[in-house]
C-alpha cells in the first residue's frame, strides 16, 4: 500500500510540476517576461513561419468541408469519437466555418488586397483579413498545438483537485466558483487568456464546471497576459507607467470578478453539468482534518484513475484538434468581419457616443476621441490603443484607453471568438453585455486613478 501511495504521489507531483513550469512560471527571455510554452511556440514559429499561413488555410478549409459532411450524421461518426467531437456541430457554426474558409482563401491569395475600391479588398487587406491570417492565426495555430498537447499535465494528474480543495474557501465565497478555477486564472494572467479559455472549456466538457461556473470563469478569469499588456502600453508610449498600469489592471480584474457573477447575464446561468457526478465536493469529508490532506487524497485518486500514456495522448490530440478545427475558423470569420467594420465604417464611432457623457462626467481629457475607442475593443484588444496612439495626445487619456482596452477582456478576434467556438454556454449578445459591464466598471476605477498620477 505504501509503494502505491508513493507512486501516486510521484504521479501527481512530477507531471504537475512540469505543467506549472511550462504554463505558469514567468521567465525572462530575449529581454521580456514570458512563459516557457510561449518561448517554444515562438521558436517553432520562427523556424516554420513561411509554412504557417498555408497550414492555417488547410485547417480552416478541412474544418468547413468535414463540418458539412458531418451535418448529415454519416454512419462512421460513432467509430472515431475524437473526429466526431471535433467536426460535429450545428448548421450555424458550419456556416461560420464556410465563411471563414472563404475569407482565408481570398486573403491567402491576396485577391484585391491592395485595391481600396474593391469590396473583396476590404476583407483581404492587410489591416483586416491579412492581420487575422498572418498576425493572429499563425500565432494561435502553434500555441493551440503546444497547449493541446501539454495541457493534460495540468488537467489529468490531480493538480486541479489539489488546488481546488486548497482554495475553495476563498474562491467560492468571493467569486462563486470552485477553487480549481484559480489554475485558469493564473494560467491566463501569467500566460495567455486563450490558454485559460482552453482549460475552462476542457473542464466544462469533462463535467467539472457547471454552465454558470464555466461562463463566469471564461469571461472573468481568462484575463489578458502580462505579455499582451506590455504590448498595449508600448503602443501608446507609456512604458514608464507599467507598474501602476498592471497593478490597476489586476485591481479592476478583481472588482469585476466580484461584481459580474452576481448580476445578469452571469447570475442567470444554471448550475447544470454536461457530465453529471464529476464536480468535486467542497466540504471536508469524514476522516480529513485539513484541506491539504483532502486535496492530496483527491490528487492521488485522480492519478490512480489515469490510464497512462494512451489517455494522455488521447486527451492531448482531442484538445489540439478541437482548438485547431473548431476555433481557428471562428476567429478567421468573426475577427475579419469585426476588423473590417472597425476600419472601414463609422459604426463604432456611433456606438461610442453613449459613453461620451460618462467620460465627460469623469473629466477624461479628449473625451470625444476616447469615446471612439470604447466599443471598438469588442472586436480586437489592440485596436483601441492603435487608435489612441494616432488620434489622442493627452498622456492621461492614452493611459485610460490602454487600461480599458485590456480590462474589457472580451474581444472577438481572440478570447470572444474562442468562447463562441467552444461549448461554453455564452452567446454573442451576452458577451457584448458583459463587455459593456466591464467597460463601465473599469472606467469608474481607471479614470480617478489616472487623475492622481497625470495632469490633463
Protein backbone atom coordinates (compact mmCIF):
# COMPACT_ATOMS: atom_id res chain seq x y z
CA UNK A 1 0.00 0.00 0.00
CA UNK A 2 2.86 2.35 0.85
CA UNK A 3 4.51 1.80 -2.55
CA UNK A 4 1.24 2.53 -4.29
CA UNK A 5 0.84 5.76 -2.29
CA UNK A 6 4.37 6.84 -3.05
CA UNK A 7 3.83 6.06 -6.70
CA UNK A 8 0.60 8.04 -6.70
CA UNK A 9 2.34 10.97 -5.04
CA UNK A 10 5.07 10.96 -7.67
CA UNK A 11 2.43 10.59 -10.37
CA UNK A 12 0.79 13.73 -9.04
CA UNK A 13 3.90 15.81 -8.37
CA UNK A 14 6.09 15.16 -11.43
CA UNK A 15 3.64 15.97 -14.26
CA UNK A 16 2.01 18.77 -12.24
CA UNK A 17 5.34 20.48 -11.56
CA UNK A 18 6.31 20.15 -15.23
CA UNK A 19 2.94 21.66 -16.22
CA UNK A 20 3.38 24.55 -13.76
CA UNK A 21 6.87 25.28 -15.12
CA UNK A 22 5.62 25.22 -18.72
CA UNK A 23 2.45 27.28 -18.25
CA UNK A 24 2.62 29.31 -15.06
CA UNK A 25 6.17 30.32 -14.12
CA UNK A 26 7.23 33.61 -15.74
CA UNK A 27 10.76 33.59 -17.15
CA UNK A 28 12.83 36.32 -18.74
CA UNK A 29 13.67 35.59 -22.37
CA UNK A 30 15.06 37.88 -25.02
CA UNK A 31 14.63 40.92 -22.81
CA UNK A 32 10.99 40.36 -21.78
CA UNK A 33 8.93 38.25 -19.39
CA UNK A 34 7.00 35.32 -20.81
CA UNK A 35 6.29 31.61 -20.17
CA UNK A 36 8.09 28.52 -21.46
CA UNK A 37 5.24 27.40 -23.73
CA UNK A 38 5.24 30.80 -25.45
CA UNK A 39 9.04 30.61 -25.89
CA UNK A 40 8.76 27.20 -27.54
CA UNK A 41 5.88 28.47 -29.69
CA UNK A 42 7.99 31.43 -30.84
CA UNK A 43 10.93 29.15 -31.68
CA UNK A 44 8.67 26.89 -33.76
CA UNK A 45 7.03 29.89 -35.43
CA UNK A 46 10.41 31.35 -36.38
CA UNK A 47 11.55 28.01 -37.77
CA UNK A 48 8.49 27.29 -39.94
CA UNK A 49 6.96 30.75 -40.20
CA UNK A 50 6.65 30.67 -44.01
CA UNK A 51 4.63 27.45 -43.82
CA UNK A 52 2.17 28.57 -41.13
CA UNK A 53 -0.26 30.60 -43.33
CA UNK A 54 -0.73 27.60 -45.64
CA UNK A 55 -1.21 25.34 -42.60
CA UNK A 56 -3.95 27.68 -41.33
CA UNK A 57 -5.61 27.65 -44.76
CA UNK A 58 -5.62 23.84 -44.75
CA UNK A 59 -7.04 23.61 -41.22
CA UNK A 60 -9.87 26.10 -41.84
CA UNK A 61 -10.71 24.51 -45.22
CA UNK A 62 -10.81 20.98 -43.81
CA UNK A 63 -12.94 22.21 -40.91
CA UNK A 64 -15.53 23.59 -43.33
CA UNK A 65 -15.59 20.50 -45.58
CA UNK A 66 -15.88 17.98 -42.75
CA UNK A 67 -18.37 20.23 -40.94
CA UNK A 68 -20.65 19.97 -43.99
CA UNK A 69 -20.17 16.20 -44.21
CA UNK A 70 -20.88 15.65 -40.52
CA UNK A 71 -24.12 17.64 -40.71
CA UNK A 72 -25.52 14.57 -42.47
CA UNK A 73 -24.62 12.34 -39.50
CA UNK A 74 -22.70 9.69 -41.52
CA UNK A 75 -22.62 6.12 -40.23
CA UNK A 76 -18.92 6.22 -39.37
CA UNK A 77 -19.45 9.11 -36.95
CA UNK A 78 -19.51 6.77 -33.94
CA UNK A 79 -16.36 4.94 -35.00
CA UNK A 80 -13.98 7.82 -34.40
CA UNK A 81 -15.15 9.77 -31.31
CA UNK A 82 -12.36 12.38 -31.46
CA UNK A 83 -13.17 13.13 -35.11
CA UNK A 84 -16.89 13.24 -34.38
CA UNK A 85 -16.41 15.54 -31.39
CA UNK A 86 -14.22 17.87 -33.46
CA UNK A 87 -16.36 18.21 -36.58
CA UNK A 88 -19.94 17.60 -35.40
CA UNK A 89 -21.63 20.96 -34.88
CA UNK A 90 -24.79 22.89 -35.66
CA UNK A 91 -25.71 24.43 -39.01
CA UNK A 92 -24.92 28.00 -37.92
CA UNK A 93 -21.39 27.05 -36.91
CA UNK A 94 -20.90 25.19 -40.18
CA UNK A 95 -21.88 28.40 -42.00
CA UNK A 96 -19.31 30.31 -39.92
CA UNK A 97 -16.67 27.71 -40.81
CA UNK A 98 -17.54 28.03 -44.50
CA UNK A 99 -17.35 31.84 -44.38
CA UNK A 100 -14.05 31.55 -42.53
CA UNK A 101 -12.74 29.24 -45.27
CA UNK A 102 -13.80 31.68 -47.98
CA UNK A 103 -12.17 34.59 -46.16
CA UNK A 104 -8.92 32.73 -45.57
CA UNK A 105 -8.55 31.63 -49.20
CA UNK A 106 -9.27 35.13 -50.51
CA UNK A 107 -6.79 36.57 -48.03
CA UNK A 108 -4.09 33.96 -48.65
CA UNK A 109 -4.34 34.51 -52.42
CA UNK A 110 -4.31 38.29 -51.89
CA UNK A 111 -7.40 38.88 -54.03
CA UNK A 112 -7.78 42.67 -54.47
CA UNK A 113 -5.84 43.15 -51.23
CA UNK A 114 -4.33 46.43 -52.44
CA UNK A 115 -7.44 47.75 -54.22
CA UNK A 116 -9.15 50.26 -51.89
CA UNK A 117 -12.25 50.38 -54.13
CA UNK A 118 -12.85 46.62 -54.14
CA UNK A 119 -15.42 45.03 -51.84
CA UNK A 120 -13.33 41.87 -51.63
CA UNK A 121 -10.31 44.04 -50.91
CA UNK A 122 -12.00 45.23 -47.70
CA UNK A 123 -11.87 41.62 -46.48
CA UNK A 124 -8.40 40.74 -47.72
CA UNK A 125 -6.48 43.93 -46.91
CA UNK A 126 -3.50 43.84 -44.54
CA UNK A 127 -5.50 45.59 -41.78
CA UNK A 128 -8.41 43.14 -41.88
CA UNK A 129 -8.18 39.56 -43.15
CA UNK A 130 -4.44 39.93 -43.63
CA UNK A 131 -3.99 40.82 -39.97
CA UNK A 132 -6.15 37.90 -38.79
CA UNK A 133 -4.37 35.36 -41.00
CA UNK A 134 -0.74 36.48 -40.86
CA UNK A 135 -0.54 38.10 -37.41
CA UNK A 136 -3.12 36.20 -35.37
CA UNK A 137 -3.85 32.72 -36.76
CA UNK A 138 -0.18 31.95 -37.40
CA UNK A 139 0.47 32.58 -33.70
CA UNK A 140 -2.61 30.75 -32.44
CA UNK A 141 -2.04 27.63 -34.55
CA UNK A 142 1.28 26.92 -32.84
CA UNK A 143 0.08 27.85 -29.34
CA UNK A 144 -3.02 25.68 -29.78
CA UNK A 145 -0.90 22.69 -30.79
CA UNK A 146 1.51 23.03 -27.87
CA UNK A 147 -1.19 23.86 -25.36
CA UNK A 148 -3.37 21.00 -26.58
CA UNK A 149 -0.53 18.50 -26.31
CA UNK A 150 0.75 19.74 -22.94
CA UNK A 151 -2.40 20.86 -21.07
CA UNK A 152 -3.05 17.29 -19.81
CA UNK A 153 -0.09 17.87 -17.48
CA UNK A 154 -2.25 20.43 -15.66
CA UNK A 155 -5.57 18.68 -16.17
CA UNK A 156 -5.13 14.94 -15.71
CA UNK A 157 -2.79 14.33 -12.79
CA UNK A 158 -4.58 15.82 -9.80
CA UNK A 159 -3.33 19.42 -9.77
CA UNK A 160 -6.81 20.90 -10.19
CA UNK A 161 -8.23 18.64 -7.49
CA UNK A 162 -5.45 19.63 -5.09
CA UNK A 163 -5.70 23.38 -5.71
CA UNK A 164 -9.48 23.17 -5.72
CA UNK A 165 -9.53 21.72 -2.23
CA UNK A 166 -7.00 24.27 -1.00
CA UNK A 167 -8.69 27.38 -2.41
CA UNK A 168 -12.39 26.56 -2.22
CA UNK A 169 -12.83 28.59 0.95
CA UNK A 170 -11.52 31.66 -0.91
CA UNK A 171 -12.84 31.28 -4.47
CA UNK A 172 -16.37 30.15 -3.64
CA UNK A 173 -17.42 32.96 -1.25
CA UNK A 174 -15.65 35.72 -3.18
CA UNK A 175 -16.26 34.73 -6.79
CA UNK A 176 -18.94 31.96 -6.54
CA UNK A 177 -16.73 29.47 -8.41
CA UNK A 178 -14.73 26.36 -7.42
CA UNK A 179 -11.23 26.65 -6.02
CA UNK A 180 -9.79 24.78 -9.03
CA UNK A 181 -10.63 27.86 -11.15
CA UNK A 182 -7.56 29.52 -9.61
CA UNK A 183 -5.48 27.49 -12.09
CA UNK A 184 -7.39 29.00 -15.02
CA UNK A 185 -6.83 32.47 -13.59
CA UNK A 186 -3.09 32.04 -13.01
CA UNK A 187 -2.61 30.46 -16.45
CA UNK A 188 -4.40 33.39 -18.11
CA UNK A 189 -2.81 36.26 -16.20
CA UNK A 190 0.75 34.94 -16.35
CA UNK A 191 0.50 33.02 -19.60
CA UNK A 192 -2.24 33.82 -22.09
CA UNK A 193 -6.02 34.32 -21.99
CA UNK A 194 -6.55 31.80 -24.80
CA UNK A 195 -4.93 29.10 -22.66
CA UNK A 196 -7.36 29.92 -19.85
CA UNK A 197 -10.35 29.56 -22.19
CA UNK A 198 -8.99 26.24 -23.47
CA UNK A 199 -8.56 24.95 -19.93
CA UNK A 200 -12.03 26.14 -18.89
CA UNK A 201 -13.72 24.61 -21.95
CA UNK A 202 -11.96 21.31 -21.28
CA UNK A 203 -13.10 21.26 -17.66
CA UNK A 204 -16.67 22.19 -18.59
CA UNK A 205 -16.90 19.45 -21.22
CA UNK A 206 -15.49 16.99 -18.68
CA UNK A 207 -18.24 17.82 -16.18
CA UNK A 208 -16.04 19.57 -13.62
CA UNK A 209 -17.62 23.02 -14.11
CA UNK A 210 -21.32 23.81 -14.34
CA UNK A 211 -22.75 26.09 -17.04
CA UNK A 212 -22.69 29.02 -14.63
CA UNK A 213 -19.15 28.33 -13.44
CA UNK A 214 -17.75 27.89 -16.97
CA UNK A 215 -19.42 31.11 -18.12
CA UNK A 216 -18.04 33.07 -15.14
CA UNK A 217 -14.50 31.68 -15.39
CA UNK A 218 -14.14 32.13 -19.16
CA UNK A 219 -15.48 35.70 -19.20
CA UNK A 220 -13.97 36.89 -15.91
CA UNK A 221 -10.76 34.96 -15.29
CA UNK A 222 -9.43 34.41 -18.82
CA UNK A 223 -7.52 37.65 -18.46
CA UNK A 224 -5.04 39.34 -20.74
CA UNK A 225 -1.48 38.15 -20.10
CA UNK A 226 1.43 40.27 -18.91
CA UNK A 227 2.98 39.97 -22.36
CA UNK A 228 -0.01 41.42 -24.22
CA UNK A 229 -0.43 44.12 -21.58
CA UNK A 230 3.13 45.27 -22.25
CA UNK A 231 2.45 45.42 -26.00
CA UNK A 232 -0.68 47.55 -25.47
CA UNK A 233 1.08 50.05 -23.18
CA UNK A 234 4.06 50.24 -25.55
CA UNK A 235 1.71 51.23 -28.38
CA UNK A 236 0.75 54.42 -26.52
CA UNK A 237 4.37 55.04 -25.48
CA UNK A 238 3.80 54.98 -21.71
CA UNK A 239 6.01 52.06 -20.62
CA UNK A 240 7.41 54.08 -17.70
CA UNK A 241 4.00 53.62 -16.03
CA UNK A 242 3.92 49.83 -16.37
CA UNK A 243 3.98 49.14 -12.62
CA UNK A 244 0.96 51.37 -11.97
CA UNK A 245 -0.68 50.11 -15.17
CA UNK A 246 -0.54 46.41 -14.34
CA UNK A 247 -1.48 46.90 -10.68
CA UNK A 248 -4.54 48.83 -11.85
CA UNK A 249 -5.43 46.08 -14.35
CA UNK A 250 -5.23 43.48 -11.57
CA UNK A 251 -7.35 45.60 -9.21
CA UNK A 252 -10.03 46.15 -11.86
CA UNK A 253 -9.99 42.45 -12.70
CA UNK A 254 -10.67 41.54 -9.08
CA UNK A 255 -13.51 44.09 -8.79
CA UNK A 256 -15.10 42.77 -11.99
CA UNK A 257 -14.76 39.21 -10.72
CA UNK A 258 -16.57 40.21 -7.51
CA UNK A 259 -19.44 42.03 -9.24
CA UNK A 260 -20.20 40.32 -12.57
CA UNK A 261 -21.07 36.82 -11.26
CA UNK A 262 -23.77 38.44 -9.10
CA UNK A 263 -25.58 40.34 -11.88
CA UNK A 264 -27.14 39.28 -15.21
CA UNK A 265 -26.32 37.70 -17.55
CA UNK A 266 -23.93 35.52 -15.49
CA UNK A 267 -26.20 35.34 -12.45
CA UNK A 268 -28.93 33.81 -14.64
CA UNK A 269 -26.83 30.81 -15.65
CA UNK A 270 -27.82 27.43 -14.21
CA UNK A 271 -25.64 25.08 -12.19
CA UNK A 272 -26.11 22.27 -14.70
CA UNK A 273 -23.35 19.93 -15.85
CA UNK A 274 -22.62 18.33 -19.22
CA UNK A 275 -21.38 15.23 -17.37
CA UNK A 276 -23.14 14.75 -14.01
CA UNK A 277 -21.24 13.47 -11.00
CA UNK A 278 -17.76 14.74 -11.86
CA UNK A 279 -17.74 18.00 -9.89
CA UNK A 280 -15.66 17.97 -6.72
CA UNK A 281 -17.35 18.33 -3.35
CA UNK A 282 -16.48 21.46 -1.40
CA UNK A 283 -16.70 20.36 2.20
CA UNK A 284 -14.22 18.14 4.04
CA UNK A 285 -15.48 14.55 4.15
CA UNK A 286 -15.26 12.48 7.30
CA UNK A 287 -11.71 11.35 8.02
CA UNK A 288 -9.99 14.51 6.77
CA UNK A 289 -8.92 17.30 9.10
CA UNK A 290 -7.30 19.76 6.66
CA UNK A 291 -7.88 20.94 3.10
CA UNK A 292 -4.27 19.99 2.28
CA UNK A 293 -4.83 16.40 3.37
CA UNK A 294 -8.08 16.16 1.42
CA UNK A 295 -6.59 17.79 -1.70
CA UNK A 296 -3.67 15.38 -1.68
CA UNK A 297 -6.05 12.43 -1.38
CA UNK A 298 -8.13 13.71 -4.32
CA UNK A 299 -4.99 14.21 -6.41
CA UNK A 300 -3.79 10.67 -5.71
CA UNK A 301 -7.24 9.32 -6.53
CA UNK A 302 -7.17 11.11 -9.90
CA UNK A 303 -3.73 9.70 -10.67
CA UNK A 304 -4.94 6.22 -9.75
CA UNK A 305 -7.76 6.51 -12.29
CA UNK A 306 -5.42 7.61 -15.10
CA UNK A 307 -4.85 5.05 -17.89
CA UNK A 308 -1.34 6.25 -18.64
CA UNK A 309 0.20 7.29 -21.95
CA UNK A 310 -2.84 6.24 -24.01
CA UNK A 311 -5.19 8.55 -22.09
CA UNK A 312 -2.60 11.35 -22.09
CA UNK A 313 -2.25 11.30 -25.88
CA UNK A 314 -6.00 10.88 -26.40
CA UNK A 315 -6.70 13.98 -24.34
CA UNK A 316 -3.84 15.89 -25.96
CA UNK A 317 -4.99 15.28 -29.53
CA UNK A 318 -8.62 15.94 -28.60
CA UNK A 319 -7.65 19.33 -27.13
CA UNK A 320 -5.43 20.30 -30.07
CA UNK A 321 -7.91 19.14 -32.73
CA UNK A 322 -10.80 20.94 -31.04
CA UNK A 323 -8.93 24.24 -31.00
CA UNK A 324 -7.48 23.90 -34.50
CA UNK A 325 -10.62 22.89 -36.34
CA UNK A 326 -13.25 24.42 -34.05
CA UNK A 327 -11.76 27.78 -33.12
CA UNK A 328 -9.45 28.94 -35.92
CA UNK A 329 -12.34 29.16 -38.45
CA UNK A 330 -14.40 31.21 -35.95
CA UNK A 331 -11.52 33.61 -35.34
CA UNK A 332 -10.97 33.98 -39.10
CA UNK A 333 -14.65 34.69 -39.79
CA UNK A 334 -15.65 36.86 -36.83
CA UNK A 335 -12.27 38.56 -36.42
CA UNK A 336 -12.14 39.60 -40.08
CA UNK A 337 -15.71 40.93 -40.08
CA UNK A 338 -15.13 42.84 -36.86
CA UNK A 339 -11.91 44.47 -38.05
CA UNK A 340 -13.48 45.35 -41.41
CA UNK A 341 -16.31 47.18 -39.65
CA UNK A 342 -13.88 48.92 -37.31
CA UNK A 343 -11.54 50.07 -40.07
CA UNK A 344 -14.00 50.98 -42.83
CA UNK A 345 -17.23 52.16 -41.21
CA UNK A 346 -18.27 54.67 -38.54
CA UNK A 347 -20.35 52.12 -36.64
CA UNK A 348 -18.00 52.04 -33.65
CA UNK A 349 -17.76 55.82 -33.59
CA UNK A 350 -21.55 55.94 -33.35
CA UNK A 351 -21.72 53.16 -30.79
CA UNK A 352 -19.17 55.00 -28.66
CA UNK A 353 -21.30 58.16 -28.37
CA UNK A 354 -23.30 56.89 -25.33
CA UNK A 355 -20.02 56.78 -23.40
CA UNK A 356 -19.35 60.47 -24.04
CA UNK A 357 -21.43 61.80 -21.09
CA UNK A 358 -19.77 59.30 -18.74
CA UNK A 359 -16.30 60.26 -19.94
CA UNK A 360 -17.14 63.95 -19.51
CA UNK A 361 -18.53 63.26 -16.03
CA UNK A 362 -15.24 61.55 -15.12
CA UNK A 363 -13.35 64.52 -16.60
CA UNK A 364 -11.43 62.38 -19.11
CA UNK A 365 -9.36 64.55 -21.49
CA UNK A 366 -10.23 64.41 -25.21
CA UNK A 367 -13.47 62.65 -24.31
CA UNK A 368 -14.74 62.62 -27.92
CA UNK A 369 -11.65 60.82 -29.21
CA UNK A 370 -11.63 58.43 -26.23
CA UNK A 371 -15.33 57.58 -26.78
CA UNK A 372 -14.47 56.26 -30.25
CA UNK A 373 -12.20 53.62 -28.69
CA UNK A 374 -14.74 52.27 -26.20
CA UNK A 375 -16.72 49.85 -28.37
CA UNK A 376 -14.03 49.02 -30.93
CA UNK A 377 -12.32 46.97 -28.21
CA UNK A 378 -15.08 44.40 -28.63
CA UNK A 379 -13.52 43.46 -31.97
CA UNK A 380 -9.84 43.42 -31.05
CA UNK A 381 -7.78 44.29 -27.97
CA UNK A 382 -5.07 46.16 -29.86
CA UNK A 383 -7.33 48.41 -31.96
CA UNK A 384 -8.21 50.92 -29.16
CA UNK A 385 -4.54 51.57 -28.33
CA UNK A 386 -3.68 51.84 -32.04
CA UNK A 387 -6.43 54.45 -32.44
CA UNK A 388 -5.31 56.23 -29.28
CA UNK A 389 -1.72 56.41 -30.49
CA UNK A 390 -2.87 58.05 -33.73
CA UNK A 391 -5.60 60.42 -32.53
CA UNK A 392 -5.03 61.18 -28.81
CA UNK A 393 -2.28 63.44 -27.47
CA UNK A 394 -3.12 63.52 -23.74
CA UNK A 395 -0.99 61.00 -21.76
CA UNK A 396 -3.83 60.64 -19.24
CA UNK A 397 -6.33 59.79 -21.97
CA UNK A 398 -3.88 57.34 -23.61
CA UNK A 399 -3.31 55.65 -20.24
CA UNK A 400 -7.04 55.28 -19.63
CA UNK A 401 -7.59 53.80 -23.10
CA UNK A 402 -4.69 51.36 -22.58
CA UNK A 403 -6.16 50.21 -19.26
CA UNK A 404 -9.73 49.89 -20.53
CA UNK A 405 -8.71 48.02 -23.68
CA UNK A 406 -7.14 45.29 -21.53
CA UNK A 407 -9.76 45.10 -18.75
CA UNK A 408 -12.62 44.93 -21.28
CA UNK A 409 -11.22 41.43 -21.90
CA UNK A 410 -13.88 40.07 -24.26
CA UNK A 411 -12.66 40.85 -27.79
CA UNK A 412 -13.99 38.84 -30.69
CA UNK A 413 -10.75 38.44 -32.60
CA UNK A 414 -9.40 36.13 -29.89
CA UNK A 415 -10.92 35.42 -26.45
CA UNK A 416 -14.51 36.14 -27.54
CA UNK A 417 -14.06 34.06 -30.68
CA UNK A 418 -12.62 31.20 -28.63
CA UNK A 419 -15.57 31.26 -26.24
CA UNK A 420 -18.09 31.31 -29.10
CA UNK A 421 -16.24 28.48 -30.83
CA UNK A 422 -16.27 26.31 -27.70
CA UNK A 423 -19.15 24.64 -25.86
CA UNK A 424 -19.04 27.22 -23.05
CA UNK A 425 -22.68 28.43 -22.72
CA UNK A 426 -22.25 32.13 -23.53
CA UNK A 427 -23.71 33.62 -26.72
CA UNK A 428 -22.79 36.75 -28.68
CA UNK A 429 -25.37 39.14 -27.12
CA UNK A 430 -24.31 38.01 -23.63
CA UNK A 431 -20.66 38.60 -24.50
CA UNK A 432 -21.49 42.13 -25.60
CA UNK A 433 -23.44 42.86 -22.40
CA UNK A 434 -20.51 41.56 -20.32
CA UNK A 435 -18.16 43.70 -22.39
CA UNK A 436 -20.24 46.81 -21.62
CA UNK A 437 -20.43 45.96 -17.92
CA UNK A 438 -16.67 45.50 -17.72
CA UNK A 439 -16.11 48.77 -19.61
CA UNK A 440 -18.29 50.81 -17.24
CA UNK A 441 -16.78 49.27 -14.09
CA UNK A 442 -13.27 49.81 -15.49
CA UNK A 443 -13.92 53.48 -16.30
CA UNK A 444 -15.15 54.25 -12.79
CA UNK A 445 -11.88 52.89 -11.39
CA UNK A 446 -9.33 53.82 -14.07
CA UNK A 447 -10.30 57.47 -14.55
CA UNK A 448 -9.99 58.57 -10.88
CA UNK A 449 -6.67 56.71 -10.53
CA UNK A 450 -5.37 58.34 -13.72
CA UNK A 451 -6.25 61.78 -12.33
CA UNK A 452 -4.00 61.04 -9.34
CA UNK A 453 -0.92 60.42 -11.49
CA UNK A 454 -1.46 62.56 -14.59
CA UNK A 455 -2.36 66.13 -15.40
CA UNK A 456 -4.81 66.89 -18.17
